[in-house]
């Protein structure tokens, strides 16, 4: 629940989360579904920050091959 509520604020201030939210809503999906996707994005970001031990960097790009 708390992560879902944080996704409202993240859509306004976090660039990556805002892009995810707008992309999903523009596809015609519900806003609630988009907020859940943003919550998932926040969770992934927080685990990456905790695992790496580095502070959040908005311009960071992963160098791992896909």
PDB file of N, CA and C in Angstrom:
ATOM      1  N   UNK A   1       0.820  -1.197   0.000  1.00  0.00           N
ATOM      2  CA  UNK A   1       0.000   0.000   0.000  1.00  0.00           C
ATOM      3  C   UNK A   1       0.860   1.255   0.000  1.00  0.00           C
ATOM      4  N   UNK A   2       1.881   1.257   0.840  1.00  0.00           N
ATOM      5  CA  UNK A   2       2.724   2.443   0.950  1.00  0.00           C
ATOM      6  C   UNK A   2       3.457   2.722  -0.359  1.00  0.00           C
ATOM      7  N   UNK A   3       3.930   1.686  -1.002  1.00  0.00           N
ATOM      8  CA  UNK A   3       4.629   1.855  -2.273  1.00  0.00           C
ATOM      9  C   UNK A   3       3.689   2.410  -3.342  1.00  0.00           C
ATOM     10  N   UNK A   4       2.445   1.960  -3.324  1.00  0.00           N
ATOM     11  CA  UNK A   4       1.450   2.465  -4.271  1.00  0.00           C
ATOM     12  C   UNK A   4       1.209   3.958  -4.033  1.00  0.00           C
ATOM     13  N   UNK A   5       1.134   4.361  -2.774  1.00  0.00           N
ATOM     14  CA  UNK A   5       0.928   5.775  -2.465  1.00  0.00           C
ATOM     15  C   UNK A   5       2.145   6.614  -2.857  1.00  0.00           C
ATOM     16  N   UNK A   6       3.324   6.048  -2.723  1.00  0.00           N
ATOM     17  CA  UNK A   6       4.538   6.756  -3.133  1.00  0.00           C
ATOM     18  C   UNK A   6       4.590   6.952  -4.647  1.00  0.00           C
ATOM     19  N   UNK A   7       3.941   6.084  -5.382  1.00  0.00           N
ATOM     20  CA  UNK A   7       3.963   6.191  -6.842  1.00  0.00           C
ATOM     21  C   UNK A   7       3.253   7.452  -7.333  1.00  0.00           C
ATOM     22  N   UNK A   8       2.292   7.973  -6.569  1.00  0.00           N
ATOM     23  CA  UNK A   8       1.645   9.233  -6.942  1.00  0.00           C
ATOM     24  C   UNK A   8       2.678  10.363  -6.980  1.00  0.00           C
ATOM     25  N   UNK A   9       3.480  10.446  -5.935  1.00  0.00           N
ATOM     26  CA  UNK A   9       4.490  11.485  -5.842  1.00  0.00           C
ATOM     27  C   UNK A   9       5.619  11.249  -6.843  1.00  0.00           C
ATOM     28  N   UNK A  10       5.965  10.008  -7.082  1.00  0.00           N
ATOM     29  CA  UNK A  10       7.043   9.691  -8.017  1.00  0.00           C
ATOM     30  C   UNK A  10       6.678  10.097  -9.441  1.00  0.00           C
ATOM     31  N   UNK A  11       5.401  10.031  -9.773  1.00  0.00           N
ATOM     32  CA  UNK A  11       4.970  10.435 -11.120  1.00  0.00           C
ATOM     33  C   UNK A  11       5.196  11.920 -11.360  1.00  0.00           C
ATOM     34  N   UNK A  12       5.246  12.688 -10.289  1.00  0.00           N
ATOM     35  CA  UNK A  12       5.460  14.127 -10.425  1.00  0.00           C
ATOM     36  C   UNK A  12       6.941  14.498 -10.421  1.00  0.00           C
ATOM     37  N   UNK A  13       7.769  13.769  -9.657  1.00  0.00           N
ATOM     38  CA  UNK A  13       9.134  14.221  -9.417  1.00  0.00           C
ATOM     39  C   UNK A  13      10.224  13.313  -9.976  1.00  0.00           C
ATOM     40  N   UNK A  14       9.938  12.057 -10.261  1.00  0.00           N
ATOM     41  CA  UNK A  14      10.939  11.125 -10.768  1.00  0.00           C
ATOM     42  C   UNK A  14      10.763  10.992 -12.283  1.00  0.00           C
ATOM     43  N   UNK A  15      11.787  11.382 -13.028  1.00  0.00           N
ATOM     44  CA  UNK A  15      11.691  11.409 -14.495  1.00  0.00           C
ATOM     45  C   UNK A  15      11.385  10.033 -15.085  1.00  0.00           C
ATOM     46  N   UNK A  16      12.083   9.003 -14.612  1.00  0.00           N
ATOM     47  CA  UNK A  16      11.884   7.656 -15.151  1.00  0.00           C
ATOM     48  C   UNK A  16      10.477   7.148 -14.851  1.00  0.00           C
ATOM     49  N   UNK A  17       9.991   7.423 -13.660  1.00  0.00           N
ATOM     50  CA  UNK A  17       8.645   6.978 -13.285  1.00  0.00           C
ATOM     51  C   UNK A  17       7.578   7.735 -14.078  1.00  0.00           C
ATOM     52  N   UNK A  18       7.821   9.001 -14.303  1.00  0.00           N
ATOM     53  CA  UNK A  18       6.877   9.805 -15.075  1.00  0.00           C
ATOM     54  C   UNK A  18       6.763   9.272 -16.506  1.00  0.00           C
ATOM     55  N   UNK A  19       7.885   8.887 -17.093  1.00  0.00           N
ATOM     56  CA  UNK A  19       7.879   8.346 -18.448  1.00  0.00           C
ATOM     57  C   UNK A  19       7.110   7.028 -18.517  1.00  0.00           C
ATOM     58  N   UNK A  20       7.305   6.164 -17.522  1.00  0.00           N
ATOM     59  CA  UNK A  20       6.593   4.887 -17.477  1.00  0.00           C
ATOM     60  C   UNK A  20       5.094   5.128 -17.371  1.00  0.00           C
ATOM     61  N   UNK A  21       4.702   6.024 -16.463  1.00  0.00           N
ATOM     62  CA  UNK A  21       3.289   6.327 -16.251  1.00  0.00           C
ATOM     63  C   UNK A  21       2.646   6.860 -17.531  1.00  0.00           C
ATOM     64  N   UNK A  22       3.280   7.841 -18.160  1.00  0.00           N
ATOM     65  CA  UNK A  22       2.708   8.449 -19.374  1.00  0.00           C
ATOM     66  C   UNK A  22       2.641   7.454 -20.519  1.00  0.00           C
ATOM     67  N   UNK A  23       3.658   6.606 -20.666  1.00  0.00           N
ATOM     68  CA  UNK A  23       3.661   5.616 -21.746  1.00  0.00           C
ATOM     69  C   UNK A  23       2.492   4.639 -21.602  1.00  0.00           C
ATOM     70  N   UNK A  24       2.235   4.191 -20.388  1.00  0.00           N
ATOM     71  CA  UNK A  24       1.165   3.218 -20.173  1.00  0.00           C
ATOM     72  C   UNK A  24      -0.212   3.859 -20.340  1.00  0.00           C
ATOM     73  N   UNK A  25      -0.379   5.076 -19.823  1.00  0.00           N
ATOM     74  CA  UNK A  25      -1.666   5.758 -19.954  1.00  0.00           C
ATOM     75  C   UNK A  25      -1.946   6.088 -21.418  1.00  0.00           C
ATOM     76  N   UNK A  26      -0.912   6.470 -22.177  1.00  0.00           N
ATOM     77  CA  UNK A  26      -1.093   6.791 -23.592  1.00  0.00           C
ATOM     78  C   UNK A  26      -1.458   5.569 -24.426  1.00  0.00           C
ATOM     79  N   UNK A  27      -1.142   4.367 -23.922  1.00  0.00           N
ATOM     80  CA  UNK A  27      -1.543   3.139 -24.610  1.00  0.00           C
ATOM     81  C   UNK A  27      -3.021   2.821 -24.389  1.00  0.00           C
ATOM     82  N   UNK A  28      -3.672   3.578 -23.504  1.00  0.00           N
ATOM     83  CA  UNK A  28      -5.088   3.359 -23.241  1.00  0.00           C
ATOM     84  C   UNK A  28      -5.354   2.508 -22.012  1.00  0.00           C
ATOM     85  N   UNK A  29      -4.312   2.198 -21.262  1.00  0.00           N
ATOM     86  CA  UNK A  29      -4.484   1.400 -20.042  1.00  0.00           C
ATOM     87  C   UNK A  29      -5.000   2.300 -18.923  1.00  0.00           C
ATOM     88  N   UNK A  30      -5.488   1.687 -17.861  1.00  0.00           N
ATOM     89  CA  UNK A  30      -6.034   2.465 -16.749  1.00  0.00           C
ATOM     90  C   UNK A  30      -4.914   3.143 -15.966  1.00  0.00           C
ATOM     91  N   UNK A  31      -5.281   4.235 -15.298  1.00  0.00           N
ATOM     92  CA  UNK A  31      -4.309   4.972 -14.506  1.00  0.00           C
ATOM     93  C   UNK A  31      -3.849   4.156 -13.304  1.00  0.00           C
ATOM     94  N   UNK A  32      -4.724   3.329 -12.768  1.00  0.00           N
ATOM     95  CA  UNK A  32      -4.352   2.492 -11.631  1.00  0.00           C
ATOM     96  C   UNK A  32      -3.288   1.483 -12.048  1.00  0.00           C
ATOM     97  N   UNK A  33      -3.433   0.893 -13.216  1.00  0.00           N
ATOM     98  CA  UNK A  33      -2.437  -0.039 -13.726  1.00  0.00           C
ATOM     99  C   UNK A  33      -1.099   0.666 -13.919  1.00  0.00           C
ATOM    100  N   UNK A  34      -1.144   1.896 -14.414  1.00  0.00           N
ATOM    101  CA  UNK A  34       0.084   2.663 -14.613  1.00  0.00           C
ATOM    102  C   UNK A  34       0.753   2.968 -13.281  1.00  0.00           C
ATOM    103  N   UNK A  35      -0.033   3.269 -12.246  1.00  0.00           N
ATOM    104  CA  UNK A  35       0.534   3.544 -10.926  1.00  0.00           C
ATOM    105  C   UNK A  35       1.163   2.292 -10.321  1.00  0.00           C
ATOM    106  N   UNK A  36       0.586   1.141 -10.586  1.00  0.00           N
ATOM    107  CA  UNK A  36       1.173  -0.114 -10.109  1.00  0.00           C
ATOM    108  C   UNK A  36       2.505  -0.364 -10.815  1.00  0.00           C
ATOM    109  N   UNK A  37       2.573  -0.040 -12.089  1.00  0.00           N
ATOM    110  CA  UNK A  37       3.837  -0.182 -12.825  1.00  0.00           C
ATOM    111  C   UNK A  37       4.891   0.774 -12.273  1.00  0.00           C
ATOM    112  N   UNK A  38       4.466   1.973 -11.906  1.00  0.00           N
ATOM    113  CA  UNK A  38       5.388   2.936 -11.306  1.00  0.00           C
ATOM    114  C   UNK A  38       5.875   2.425  -9.951  1.00  0.00           C
ATOM    115  N   UNK A  39       4.984   1.825  -9.173  1.00  0.00           N
ATOM    116  CA  UNK A  39       5.376   1.251  -7.887  1.00  0.00           C
ATOM    117  C   UNK A  39       6.425   0.156  -8.100  1.00  0.00           C
ATOM    118  N   UNK A  40       6.244  -0.653  -9.135  1.00  0.00           N
ATOM    119  CA  UNK A  40       7.225  -1.694  -9.466  1.00  0.00           C
ATOM    120  C   UNK A  40       8.563  -1.065  -9.859  1.00  0.00           C
ATOM    121  N   UNK A  41       8.509   0.021 -10.616  1.00  0.00           N
ATOM    122  CA  UNK A  41       9.718   0.734 -11.021  1.00  0.00           C
ATOM    123  C   UNK A  41      10.444   1.284  -9.792  1.00  0.00           C
ATOM    124  N   UNK A  42       9.699   1.849  -8.841  1.00  0.00           N
ATOM    125  CA  UNK A  42      10.300   2.357  -7.612  1.00  0.00           C
ATOM    126  C   UNK A  42      10.977   1.250  -6.823  1.00  0.00           C
ATOM    127  N   UNK A  43      10.327   0.103  -6.776  1.00  0.00           N
ATOM    128  CA  UNK A  43      10.890  -1.034  -6.056  1.00  0.00           C
ATOM    129  C   UNK A  43      12.205  -1.481  -6.693  1.00  0.00           C
ATOM    130  N   UNK A  44      12.227  -1.546  -8.013  1.00  0.00           N
ATOM    131  CA  UNK A  44      13.450  -1.929  -8.718  1.00  0.00           C
ATOM    132  C   UNK A  44      14.566  -0.906  -8.505  1.00  0.00           C
ATOM    133  N   UNK A  45      14.210   0.381  -8.530  1.00  0.00           N
ATOM    134  CA  UNK A  45      15.202   1.423  -8.302  1.00  0.00           C
ATOM    135  C   UNK A  45      15.765   1.341  -6.890  1.00  0.00           C
ATOM    136  N   UNK A  46      14.902   1.134  -5.911  1.00  0.00           N
ATOM    137  CA  UNK A  46      15.357   1.100  -4.524  1.00  0.00           C
ATOM    138  C   UNK A  46      16.260  -0.114  -4.271  1.00  0.00           C
ATOM    139  N   UNK A  47      15.941  -1.266  -4.844  1.00  0.00           N
ATOM    140  CA  UNK A  47      16.806  -2.432  -4.682  1.00  0.00           C
ATOM    141  C   UNK A  47      18.154  -2.225  -5.377  1.00  0.00           C
ATOM    142  N   UNK A  48      18.151  -1.572  -6.529  1.00  0.00           N
ATOM    143  CA  UNK A  48      19.405  -1.305  -7.230  1.00  0.00           C
ATOM    144  C   UNK A  48      20.288  -0.358  -6.416  1.00  0.00           C
ATOM    145  N   UNK A  49      19.682   0.643  -5.788  1.00  0.00           N
ATOM    146  CA  UNK A  49      20.430   1.586  -4.959  1.00  0.00           C
ATOM    147  C   UNK A  49      20.991   0.872  -3.730  1.00  0.00           C
ATOM    148  N   UNK A  50      20.156   0.045  -3.097  1.00  0.00           N
ATOM    149  CA  UNK A  50      20.601  -0.678  -1.904  1.00  0.00           C
ATOM    150  C   UNK A  50      21.709  -1.673  -2.235  1.00  0.00           C
ATOM    151  N   UNK A  51      21.607  -2.335  -3.374  1.00  0.00           N
ATOM    152  CA  UNK A  51      22.584  -3.348  -3.760  1.00  0.00           C
ATOM    153  C   UNK A  51      23.929  -2.727  -4.148  1.00  0.00           C
ATOM    154  N   UNK A  52      23.880  -1.612  -4.861  1.00  0.00           N
ATOM    155  CA  UNK A  52      25.119  -0.993  -5.322  1.00  0.00           C
ATOM    156  C   UNK A  52      25.775  -0.133  -4.248  1.00  0.00           C
ATOM    157  N   UNK A  53      24.980   0.404  -3.336  1.00  0.00           N
ATOM    158  CA  UNK A  53      25.516   1.270  -2.299  1.00  0.00           C
ATOM    159  C   UNK A  53      25.800   2.681  -2.773  1.00  0.00           C
ATOM    160  N   UNK A  54      25.423   2.999  -3.980  1.00  0.00           N
ATOM    161  CA  UNK A  54      25.638   4.333  -4.538  1.00  0.00           C
ATOM    162  C   UNK A  54      24.381   5.182  -4.333  1.00  0.00           C
ATOM    163  N   UNK A  55      24.547   6.495  -4.275  1.00  0.00           N
ATOM    164  CA  UNK A  55      23.359   7.360  -4.195  1.00  0.00           C
ATOM    165  C   UNK A  55      22.621   7.364  -5.539  1.00  0.00           C
ATOM    166  N   UNK A  56      21.373   7.771  -5.514  1.00  0.00           N
ATOM    167  CA  UNK A  56      20.549   7.799  -6.723  1.00  0.00           C
ATOM    168  C   UNK A  56      21.117   8.794  -7.725  1.00  0.00           C
ATOM    169  N   UNK A  57      21.253   8.356  -8.960  1.00  0.00           N
ATOM    170  CA  UNK A  57      21.728   9.210 -10.041  1.00  0.00           C
ATOM    171  C   UNK A  57      20.742   9.096 -11.186  1.00  0.00           C
ATOM    172  N   UNK A  58      20.076  10.190 -11.483  1.00  0.00           N
ATOM    173  CA  UNK A  58      19.039  10.185 -12.512  1.00  0.00           C
ATOM    174  C   UNK A  58      19.596   9.894 -13.900  1.00  0.00           C
ATOM    175  N   UNK A  59      20.847  10.199 -14.132  1.00  0.00           N
ATOM    176  CA  UNK A  59      21.435  10.021 -15.462  1.00  0.00           C
ATOM    177  C   UNK A  59      22.165   8.680 -15.616  1.00  0.00           C
ATOM    178  N   UNK A  60      22.124   7.836 -14.599  1.00  0.00           N
ATOM    179  CA  UNK A  60      22.836   6.554 -14.642  1.00  0.00           C
ATOM    180  C   UNK A  60      22.258   5.637 -15.716  1.00  0.00           C
ATOM    181  N   UNK A  61      23.154   5.005 -16.486  1.00  0.00           N
ATOM    182  CA  UNK A  61      22.752   4.039 -17.500  1.00  0.00           C
ATOM    183  C   UNK A  61      23.525   2.751 -17.241  1.00  0.00           C
ATOM    184  N   UNK A  62      22.819   1.644 -17.183  1.00  0.00           N
ATOM    185  CA  UNK A  62      23.453   0.359 -16.927  1.00  0.00           C
ATOM    186  C   UNK A  62      24.322  -0.040 -18.111  1.00  0.00           C
ATOM    187  N   UNK A  63      25.474  -0.665 -17.815  1.00  0.00           N
ATOM    188  CA  UNK A  63      26.367  -1.101 -18.880  1.00  0.00           C
ATOM    189  C   UNK A  63      26.274  -2.598 -19.109  1.00  0.00           C
ATOM    190  N   UNK A  64      25.314  -3.231 -18.455  1.00  0.00           N
ATOM    191  CA  UNK A  64      25.143  -4.667 -18.626  1.00  0.00           C
ATOM    192  C   UNK A  64      24.558  -4.980 -20.001  1.00  0.00           C
ATOM    193  N   UNK A  65      25.079  -6.020 -20.671  1.00  0.00           N
ATOM    194  CA  UNK A  65      24.513  -6.387 -21.981  1.00  0.00           C
ATOM    195  C   UNK A  65      23.135  -6.994 -21.815  1.00  0.00           C
ATOM    196  N   UNK A  66      22.294  -6.790 -22.799  1.00  0.00           N
ATOM    197  CA  UNK A  66      20.924  -7.317 -22.727  1.00  0.00           C
ATOM    198  C   UNK A  66      20.808  -8.606 -23.459  1.00  0.00           C
TER     199      UNK A  66
END
